[in-house]
């Protein structure tokens, strides 16, 4: 973990980002004891969605279409 003041972080942003990119945590302290935590994280790029990707993996039995016993008073 490395701590920078807001002014130091502004002047040497590349160094701050590089430290975070290598897995380190960066704390940036500002005015009035305000602090900011900078952590690098990987966000994977999602590809386009594919229609029918789960086809054949979900089975709906005939029991699914039978009326529920809780609703029997309302169906008569």
PDB file of N, CA and C in Angstrom:
ATOM      1  N   UNK A   1       0.847  -1.165   0.000  1.00  0.00           N
ATOM      2  CA  UNK A   1       0.000   0.000   0.000  1.00  0.00           C
ATOM      3  C   UNK A   1       0.896   1.233   0.000  1.00  0.00           C
ATOM      4  N   UNK A   2       0.547   2.164  -0.852  1.00  0.00           N
ATOM      5  CA  UNK A   2       1.318   3.390  -0.964  1.00  0.00           C
ATOM      6  C   UNK A   2       0.383   4.577  -0.784  1.00  0.00           C
ATOM      7  N   UNK A   3       0.853   5.607  -0.113  1.00  0.00           N
ATOM      8  CA  UNK A   3       0.038   6.789   0.144  1.00  0.00           C
ATOM      9  C   UNK A   3       0.636   7.994  -0.573  1.00  0.00           C
ATOM     10  N   UNK A   4      -0.248   8.739  -1.241  1.00  0.00           N
ATOM     11  CA  UNK A   4       0.146   9.960  -1.940  1.00  0.00           C
ATOM     12  C   UNK A   4      -0.777  11.082  -1.494  1.00  0.00           C
ATOM     13  N   UNK A   5      -0.259  12.285  -1.527  1.00  0.00           N
ATOM     14  CA  UNK A   5      -1.145  13.428  -1.331  1.00  0.00           C
ATOM     15  C   UNK A   5      -1.825  13.692  -2.671  1.00  0.00           C
ATOM     16  N   UNK A   6      -2.869  14.478  -2.641  1.00  0.00           N
ATOM     17  CA  UNK A   6      -3.591  14.788  -3.876  1.00  0.00           C
ATOM     18  C   UNK A   6      -2.686  15.494  -4.882  1.00  0.00           C
ATOM     19  N   UNK A   7      -1.853  16.384  -4.400  1.00  0.00           N
ATOM     20  CA  UNK A   7      -0.930  17.108  -5.278  1.00  0.00           C
ATOM     21  C   UNK A   7       0.107  16.160  -5.895  1.00  0.00           C
ATOM     22  N   UNK A   8       0.654  15.253  -5.094  1.00  0.00           N
ATOM     23  CA  UNK A   8       1.623  14.282  -5.622  1.00  0.00           C
ATOM     24  C   UNK A   8       0.977  13.395  -6.682  1.00  0.00           C
ATOM     25  N   UNK A   9      -0.246  12.979  -6.418  1.00  0.00           N
ATOM     26  CA  UNK A   9      -0.948  12.117  -7.372  1.00  0.00           C
ATOM     27  C   UNK A   9      -1.215  12.850  -8.686  1.00  0.00           C
ATOM     28  N   UNK A  10      -1.551  14.135  -8.608  1.00  0.00           N
ATOM     29  CA  UNK A  10      -1.788  14.926  -9.814  1.00  0.00           C
ATOM     30  C   UNK A  10      -0.507  15.072 -10.634  1.00  0.00           C
ATOM     31  N   UNK A  11       0.606  15.297  -9.942  1.00  0.00           N
ATOM     32  CA  UNK A  11       1.870  15.520 -10.635  1.00  0.00           C
ATOM     33  C   UNK A  11       2.431  14.246 -11.254  1.00  0.00           C
ATOM     34  N   UNK A  12       2.229  13.120 -10.601  1.00  0.00           N
ATOM     35  CA  UNK A  12       2.832  11.873 -11.079  1.00  0.00           C
ATOM     36  C   UNK A  12       1.780  10.776 -11.210  1.00  0.00           C
ATOM     37  N   UNK A  13       0.749  11.051 -11.981  1.00  0.00           N
ATOM     38  CA  UNK A  13      -0.363  10.122 -12.142  1.00  0.00           C
ATOM     39  C   UNK A  13       0.072   8.784 -12.743  1.00  0.00           C
ATOM     40  N   UNK A  14       1.023   8.816 -13.668  1.00  0.00           N
ATOM     41  CA  UNK A  14       1.504   7.571 -14.276  1.00  0.00           C
ATOM     42  C   UNK A  14       2.094   6.633 -13.223  1.00  0.00           C
ATOM     43  N   UNK A  15       2.851   7.168 -12.298  1.00  0.00           N
ATOM     44  CA  UNK A  15       3.462   6.368 -11.242  1.00  0.00           C
ATOM     45  C   UNK A  15       2.386   5.779 -10.326  1.00  0.00           C
ATOM     46  N   UNK A  16       1.378   6.564  -9.998  1.00  0.00           N
ATOM     47  CA  UNK A  16       0.280   6.110  -9.140  1.00  0.00           C
ATOM     48  C   UNK A  16      -0.482   4.984  -9.818  1.00  0.00           C
ATOM     49  N   UNK A  17      -0.824   5.167 -11.074  1.00  0.00           N
ATOM     50  CA  UNK A  17      -1.574   4.142 -11.814  1.00  0.00           C
ATOM     51  C   UNK A  17      -0.756   2.876 -12.009  1.00  0.00           C
ATOM     52  N   UNK A  18       0.532   3.009 -12.250  1.00  0.00           N
ATOM     53  CA  UNK A  18       1.399   1.843 -12.425  1.00  0.00           C
ATOM     54  C   UNK A  18       1.455   1.026 -11.138  1.00  0.00           C
ATOM     55  N   UNK A  19       1.541   1.692 -10.002  1.00  0.00           N
ATOM     56  CA  UNK A  19       1.565   0.986  -8.723  1.00  0.00           C
ATOM     57  C   UNK A  19       0.259   0.205  -8.521  1.00  0.00           C
ATOM     58  N   UNK A  20      -0.865   0.812  -8.846  1.00  0.00           N
ATOM     59  CA  UNK A  20      -2.154   0.137  -8.715  1.00  0.00           C
ATOM     60  C   UNK A  20      -2.270  -1.015  -9.709  1.00  0.00           C
ATOM     61  N   UNK A  21      -1.747  -0.812 -10.914  1.00  0.00           N
ATOM     62  CA  UNK A  21      -1.822  -1.841 -11.956  1.00  0.00           C
ATOM     63  C   UNK A  21      -1.036  -3.093 -11.561  1.00  0.00           C
ATOM     64  N   UNK A  22       0.031  -2.936 -10.819  1.00  0.00           N
ATOM     65  CA  UNK A  22       0.848  -4.069 -10.395  1.00  0.00           C
ATOM     66  C   UNK A  22       0.262  -4.784  -9.180  1.00  0.00           C
ATOM     67  N   UNK A  23      -0.951  -4.403  -8.793  1.00  0.00           N
ATOM     68  CA  UNK A  23      -1.619  -5.096  -7.696  1.00  0.00           C
ATOM     69  C   UNK A  23      -1.560  -4.367  -6.373  1.00  0.00           C
ATOM     70  N   UNK A  24      -0.944  -3.231  -6.345  1.00  0.00           N
ATOM     71  CA  UNK A  24      -0.848  -2.483  -5.102  1.00  0.00           C
ATOM     72  C   UNK A  24      -2.079  -1.619  -4.860  1.00  0.00           C
ATOM     73  N   UNK A  25      -2.284  -1.277  -3.616  1.00  0.00           N
ATOM     74  CA  UNK A  25      -3.369  -0.379  -3.245  1.00  0.00           C
ATOM     75  C   UNK A  25      -2.786   1.010  -3.048  1.00  0.00           C
ATOM     76  N   UNK A  26      -3.476   2.001  -3.578  1.00  0.00           N
ATOM     77  CA  UNK A  26      -3.009   3.377  -3.485  1.00  0.00           C
ATOM     78  C   UNK A  26      -4.027   4.179  -2.685  1.00  0.00           C
ATOM     79  N   UNK A  27      -3.547   4.894  -1.691  1.00  0.00           N
ATOM     80  CA  UNK A  27      -4.378   5.798  -0.914  1.00  0.00           C
ATOM     81  C   UNK A  27      -3.968   7.219  -1.276  1.00  0.00           C
ATOM     82  N   UNK A  28      -4.933   8.021  -1.673  1.00  0.00           N
ATOM     83  CA  UNK A  28      -4.672   9.418  -2.011  1.00  0.00           C
ATOM     84  C   UNK A  28      -5.369  10.270  -0.962  1.00  0.00           C
ATOM     85  N   UNK A  29      -4.592  11.061  -0.258  1.00  0.00           N
ATOM     86  CA  UNK A  29      -5.164  11.914   0.783  1.00  0.00           C
ATOM     87  C   UNK A  29      -5.353  13.314   0.239  1.00  0.00           C
ATOM     88  N   UNK A  30      -6.522  13.871   0.509  1.00  0.00           N
ATOM     89  CA  UNK A  30      -6.841  15.205   0.021  1.00  0.00           C
ATOM     90  C   UNK A  30      -7.010  16.178   1.156  1.00  0.00           C
ATOM     91  N   UNK A  31      -7.748  17.225   0.890  1.00  0.00           N
ATOM     92  CA  UNK A  31      -7.997  18.256   1.889  1.00  0.00           C
ATOM     93  C   UNK A  31      -8.971  17.741   2.947  1.00  0.00           C
ATOM     94  N   UNK A  32      -8.915  18.312   4.120  1.00  0.00           N
ATOM     95  CA  UNK A  32      -9.826  17.990   5.225  1.00  0.00           C
ATOM     96  C   UNK A  32      -9.819  16.503   5.567  1.00  0.00           C
ATOM     97  N   UNK A  33      -8.649  15.868   5.482  1.00  0.00           N
ATOM     98  CA  UNK A  33      -8.475  14.450   5.803  1.00  0.00           C
ATOM     99  C   UNK A  33      -9.357  13.528   4.960  1.00  0.00           C
ATOM    100  N   UNK A  34      -9.757  13.990   3.803  1.00  0.00           N
ATOM    101  CA  UNK A  34     -10.510  13.153   2.870  1.00  0.00           C
ATOM    102  C   UNK A  34      -9.529  12.205   2.195  1.00  0.00           C
ATOM    103  N   UNK A  35      -9.881  10.918   2.102  1.00  0.00           N
ATOM    104  CA  UNK A  35      -8.977   9.938   1.499  1.00  0.00           C
ATOM    105  C   UNK A  35      -9.702   9.165   0.408  1.00  0.00           C
ATOM    106  N   UNK A  36      -8.954   8.758  -0.591  1.00  0.00           N
ATOM    107  CA  UNK A  36      -9.483   7.997  -1.721  1.00  0.00           C
ATOM    108  C   UNK A  36      -8.641   6.742  -1.877  1.00  0.00           C
ATOM    109  N   UNK A  37      -9.289   5.620  -2.090  1.00  0.00           N
ATOM    110  CA  UNK A  37      -8.583   4.353  -2.259  1.00  0.00           C
ATOM    111  C   UNK A  37      -8.668   3.955  -3.730  1.00  0.00           C
ATOM    112  N   UNK A  38      -7.526   3.715  -4.323  1.00  0.00           N
ATOM    113  CA  UNK A  38      -7.443   3.355  -5.735  1.00  0.00           C
ATOM    114  C   UNK A  38      -6.941   1.919  -5.839  1.00  0.00           C
ATOM    115  N   UNK A  39      -7.763   1.061  -6.439  1.00  0.00           N
ATOM    116  CA  UNK A  39      -7.412  -0.345  -6.594  1.00  0.00           C
ATOM    117  C   UNK A  39      -7.640  -0.722  -8.046  1.00  0.00           C
ATOM    118  N   UNK A  40      -6.677  -1.387  -8.634  1.00  0.00           N
ATOM    119  CA  UNK A  40      -6.812  -1.830 -10.016  1.00  0.00           C
ATOM    120  C   UNK A  40      -7.656  -3.096 -10.070  1.00  0.00           C
ATOM    121  N   UNK A  41      -8.513  -3.189 -11.072  1.00  0.00           N
ATOM    122  CA  UNK A  41      -9.301  -4.405 -11.254  1.00  0.00           C
ATOM    123  C   UNK A  41      -9.480  -4.666 -12.741  1.00  0.00           C
ATOM    124  N   UNK A  42      -9.571  -5.938 -13.077  1.00  0.00           N
ATOM    125  CA  UNK A  42      -9.717  -6.342 -14.464  1.00  0.00           C
ATOM    126  C   UNK A  42     -11.200  -6.522 -14.772  1.00  0.00           C
ATOM    127  N   UNK A  43     -11.684  -5.867 -15.796  1.00  0.00           N
ATOM    128  CA  UNK A  43     -13.068  -6.018 -16.233  1.00  0.00           C
ATOM    129  C   UNK A  43     -13.027  -6.685 -17.600  1.00  0.00           C
ATOM    130  N   UNK A  44     -13.448  -7.956 -17.654  1.00  0.00           N
ATOM    131  CA  UNK A  44     -13.370  -8.663 -18.929  1.00  0.00           C
ATOM    132  C   UNK A  44     -14.344  -8.085 -19.953  1.00  0.00           C
ATOM    133  N   UNK A  45     -13.909  -8.068 -21.179  1.00  0.00           N
ATOM    134  CA  UNK A  45     -14.747  -7.573 -22.256  1.00  0.00           C
ATOM    135  C   UNK A  45     -15.738  -8.667 -22.641  1.00  0.00           C
ATOM    136  N   UNK A  46     -16.999  -8.312 -22.668  1.00  0.00           N
ATOM    137  CA  UNK A  46     -18.037  -9.271 -23.013  1.00  0.00           C
ATOM    138  C   UNK A  46     -18.264  -9.247 -24.512  1.00  0.00           C
ATOM    139  N   UNK A  47     -18.432 -10.415 -25.055  1.00  0.00           N
ATOM    140  CA  UNK A  47     -18.719 -10.518 -26.476  1.00  0.00           C
ATOM    141  C   UNK A  47     -20.207 -10.351 -26.729  1.00  0.00           C
ATOM    142  N   UNK A  48     -20.607 -10.407 -27.978  1.00  0.00           N
ATOM    143  CA  UNK A  48     -22.028 -10.272 -28.285  1.00  0.00           C
ATOM    144  C   UNK A  48     -22.819 -11.468 -27.756  1.00  0.00           C
ATOM    145  N   UNK A  49     -24.056 -11.223 -27.379  1.00  0.00           N
ATOM    146  CA  UNK A  49     -24.912 -12.289 -26.866  1.00  0.00           C
ATOM    147  C   UNK A  49     -25.337 -13.198 -28.020  1.00  0.00           C
ATOM    148  N   UNK A  50     -25.469 -14.477 -27.714  1.00  0.00           N
ATOM    149  CA  UNK A  50     -25.856 -15.465 -28.726  1.00  0.00           C
ATOM    150  C   UNK A  50     -27.253 -15.981 -28.421  1.00  0.00           C
ATOM    151  N   UNK A  51     -28.148 -15.878 -29.361  1.00  0.00           N
ATOM    152  CA  UNK A  51     -29.503 -16.399 -29.188  1.00  0.00           C
ATOM    153  C   UNK A  51     -29.467 -17.922 -29.225  1.00  0.00           C
ATOM    154  N   UNK A  52     -30.223 -18.558 -28.337  1.00  0.00           N
ATOM    155  CA  UNK A  52     -30.321 -20.011 -28.328  1.00  0.00           C
ATOM    156  C   UNK A  52     -29.171 -20.719 -27.652  1.00  0.00           C
ATOM    157  N   UNK A  53     -28.403 -20.022 -26.878  1.00  0.00           N
ATOM    158  CA  UNK A  53     -27.227 -20.604 -26.241  1.00  0.00           C
ATOM    159  C   UNK A  53     -27.582 -21.700 -25.235  1.00  0.00           C
ATOM    160  N   UNK A  54     -28.748 -21.583 -24.594  1.00  0.00           N
ATOM    161  CA  UNK A  54     -29.166 -22.568 -23.601  1.00  0.00           C
ATOM    162  C   UNK A  54     -30.159 -23.585 -24.165  1.00  0.00           C
ATOM    163  N   UNK A  55     -30.349 -23.583 -25.461  1.00  0.00           N
ATOM    164  CA  UNK A  55     -31.301 -24.501 -26.075  1.00  0.00           C
ATOM    165  C   UNK A  55     -30.922 -25.943 -25.763  1.00  0.00           C
ATOM    166  N   UNK A  56     -31.907 -26.698 -25.265  1.00  0.00           N
ATOM    167  CA  UNK A  56     -31.682 -28.091 -24.933  1.00  0.00           C
ATOM    168  C   UNK A  56     -31.178 -28.324 -23.524  1.00  0.00           C
ATOM    169  N   UNK A  57     -30.880 -27.271 -22.790  1.00  0.00           N
ATOM    170  CA  UNK A  57     -30.362 -27.419 -21.431  1.00  0.00           C
ATOM    171  C   UNK A  57     -31.450 -27.262 -20.373  1.00  0.00           C
ATOM    172  N   UNK A  58     -32.610 -26.722 -20.754  1.00  0.00           N
ATOM    173  CA  UNK A  58     -33.713 -26.533 -19.826  1.00  0.00           C
ATOM    174  C   UNK A  58     -34.863 -27.423 -20.266  1.00  0.00           C
ATOM    175  N   UNK A  59     -35.353 -28.218 -19.341  1.00  0.00           N
ATOM    176  CA  UNK A  59     -36.472 -29.122 -19.633  1.00  0.00           C
ATOM    177  C   UNK A  59     -37.681 -28.680 -18.828  1.00  0.00           C
ATOM    178  N   UNK A  60     -38.828 -28.507 -19.494  1.00  0.00           N
ATOM    179  CA  UNK A  60     -40.081 -28.184 -18.829  1.00  0.00           C
ATOM    180  C   UNK A  60     -40.987 -29.402 -18.977  1.00  0.00           C
ATOM    181  N   UNK A  61     -41.341 -29.989 -17.833  1.00  0.00           N
ATOM    182  CA  UNK A  61     -42.181 -31.187 -17.848  1.00  0.00           C
ATOM    183  C   UNK A  61     -43.650 -30.789 -17.920  1.00  0.00           C
ATOM    184  N   UNK A  62     -44.519 -31.768 -18.170  1.00  0.00           N
ATOM    185  CA  UNK A  62     -45.957 -31.517 -18.239  1.00  0.00           C
ATOM    186  C   UNK A  62     -46.510 -31.061 -16.888  1.00  0.00           C
ATOM    187  N   UNK A  63     -45.858 -31.426 -15.804  1.00  0.00           N
ATOM    188  CA  UNK A  63     -46.276 -31.018 -14.469  1.00  0.00           C
ATOM    189  C   UNK A  63     -46.275 -29.492 -14.317  1.00  0.00           C
ATOM    190  N   UNK A  64     -45.454 -28.826 -15.062  1.00  0.00           N
ATOM    191  CA  UNK A  64     -45.363 -27.363 -15.009  1.00  0.00           C
ATOM    192  C   UNK A  64     -46.688 -26.708 -15.372  1.00  0.00           C
ATOM    193  N   UNK A  65     -47.431 -27.319 -16.301  1.00  0.00           N
ATOM    194  CA  UNK A  65     -48.670 -26.733 -16.799  1.00  0.00           C
ATOM    195  C   UNK A  65     -49.896 -27.101 -15.971  1.00  0.00           C
ATOM    196  N   UNK A  66     -49.766 -27.981 -14.994  1.00  0.00           N
ATOM    197  CA  UNK A  66     -50.890 -28.368 -14.145  1.00  0.00           C
ATOM    198  C   UNK A  66     -51.208 -27.239 -13.179  1.00  0.00           C
ATOM    199  N   UNK A  67     -52.505 -27.042 -12.850  1.00  0.00           N
ATOM    200  CA  UNK A  67     -52.862 -25.958 -11.918  1.00  0.00           C
ATOM    201  C   UNK A  67     -52.315 -26.218 -10.522  1.00  0.00           C
ATOM    202  N   UNK A  68     -51.970 -25.149  -9.837  1.00  0.00           N
ATOM    203  CA  UNK A  68     -51.457 -25.260  -8.484  1.00  0.00           C
ATOM    204  C   UNK A  68     -52.607 -25.493  -7.499  1.00  0.00           C
ATOM    205  N   UNK A  69     -52.395 -26.369  -6.516  1.00  0.00           N
ATOM    206  CA  UNK A  69     -53.463 -26.643  -5.554  1.00  0.00           C
ATOM    207  C   UNK A  69     -53.882 -25.403  -4.750  1.00  0.00           C
ATOM    208  N   UNK A  70     -52.985 -24.463  -4.552  1.00  0.00           N
ATOM    209  CA  UNK A  70     -53.303 -23.254  -3.789  1.00  0.00           C
ATOM    210  C   UNK A  70     -54.344 -22.393  -4.499  1.00  0.00           C
ATOM    211  N   UNK A  71     -54.419 -22.494  -5.811  1.00  0.00           N
ATOM    212  CA  UNK A  71     -55.335 -21.680  -6.579  1.00  0.00           C
ATOM    213  C   UNK A  71     -56.623 -22.408  -6.945  1.00  0.00           C
ATOM    214  N   UNK A  72     -56.820 -23.608  -6.449  1.00  0.00           N
ATOM    215  CA  UNK A  72     -58.023 -24.395  -6.764  1.00  0.00           C
ATOM    216  C   UNK A  72     -59.319 -23.676  -6.396  1.00  0.00           C
ATOM    217  N   UNK A  73     -59.411 -22.985  -5.238  1.00  0.00           N
ATOM    218  CA  UNK A  73     -60.663 -22.271  -4.924  1.00  0.00           C
ATOM    219  C   UNK A  73     -61.018 -21.187  -5.948  1.00  0.00           C
ATOM    220  N   UNK A  74     -60.024 -20.639  -6.609  1.00  0.00           N
ATOM    221  CA  UNK A  74     -60.284 -19.557  -7.571  1.00  0.00           C
ATOM    222  C   UNK A  74     -60.660 -20.082  -8.954  1.00  0.00           C
ATOM    223  N   UNK A  75     -60.405 -21.348  -9.223  1.00  0.00           N
ATOM    224  CA  UNK A  75     -60.673 -21.885 -10.554  1.00  0.00           C
ATOM    225  C   UNK A  75     -62.035 -22.550 -10.647  1.00  0.00           C
ATOM    226  N   UNK A  76     -62.768 -22.674  -9.549  1.00  0.00           N
ATOM    227  CA  UNK A  76     -64.093 -23.325  -9.585  1.00  0.00           C
ATOM    228  C   UNK A  76     -65.199 -22.332  -9.691  1.00  0.00           C
TER     229      UNK A  76
END
